[in-house]
Amino acid sequence: MQNVQIFGLKNCPATRAAERFFKERGIAIHFVDLKLKPMSPGEIRRFTDRFTLAGIVDPNSKPWLDAGLKYMKMSDAELLAKIEATPRLLRLPLVRCANLLSIGKDDAAWKAMATTGA
């Protein structure tokens, strides 16, 4: 049985939905609270290789707008630093099961993970 890794925040509704989805199907999860432990550069690269750096952030989110990032031009390194400091800028949750990845609330990807992981 595969292990599903969920990167998110405890108080994020989409993160809780992912946890609930996998728990209801009896799939073991490893939850990483980004408030307590930032993602490693290797994990971030895994998601950015698949979705791009711009793809894993949510430029329409309240935290993005509140941080005044809407009109800022940043290098990838600057954006990565912002993400590490403020994980809410990400499209949470980021979910990984073996080589399958998903960002945000993505029921279709989670179902694929559940079938592959079983």
Foldseek 3Di string as FASTA:
>chain_A
DWEKEKEEAPPDPQSVVLVCVCVVLVHHYHYDHLVVPNDDPVVVCLVCVPQNPVRFFDCPDPVNVVVVPNPDDDDPVVSVVVCSVPVNRTQDIWMDTPSQIDGHNDVVSSVVSSVVVD
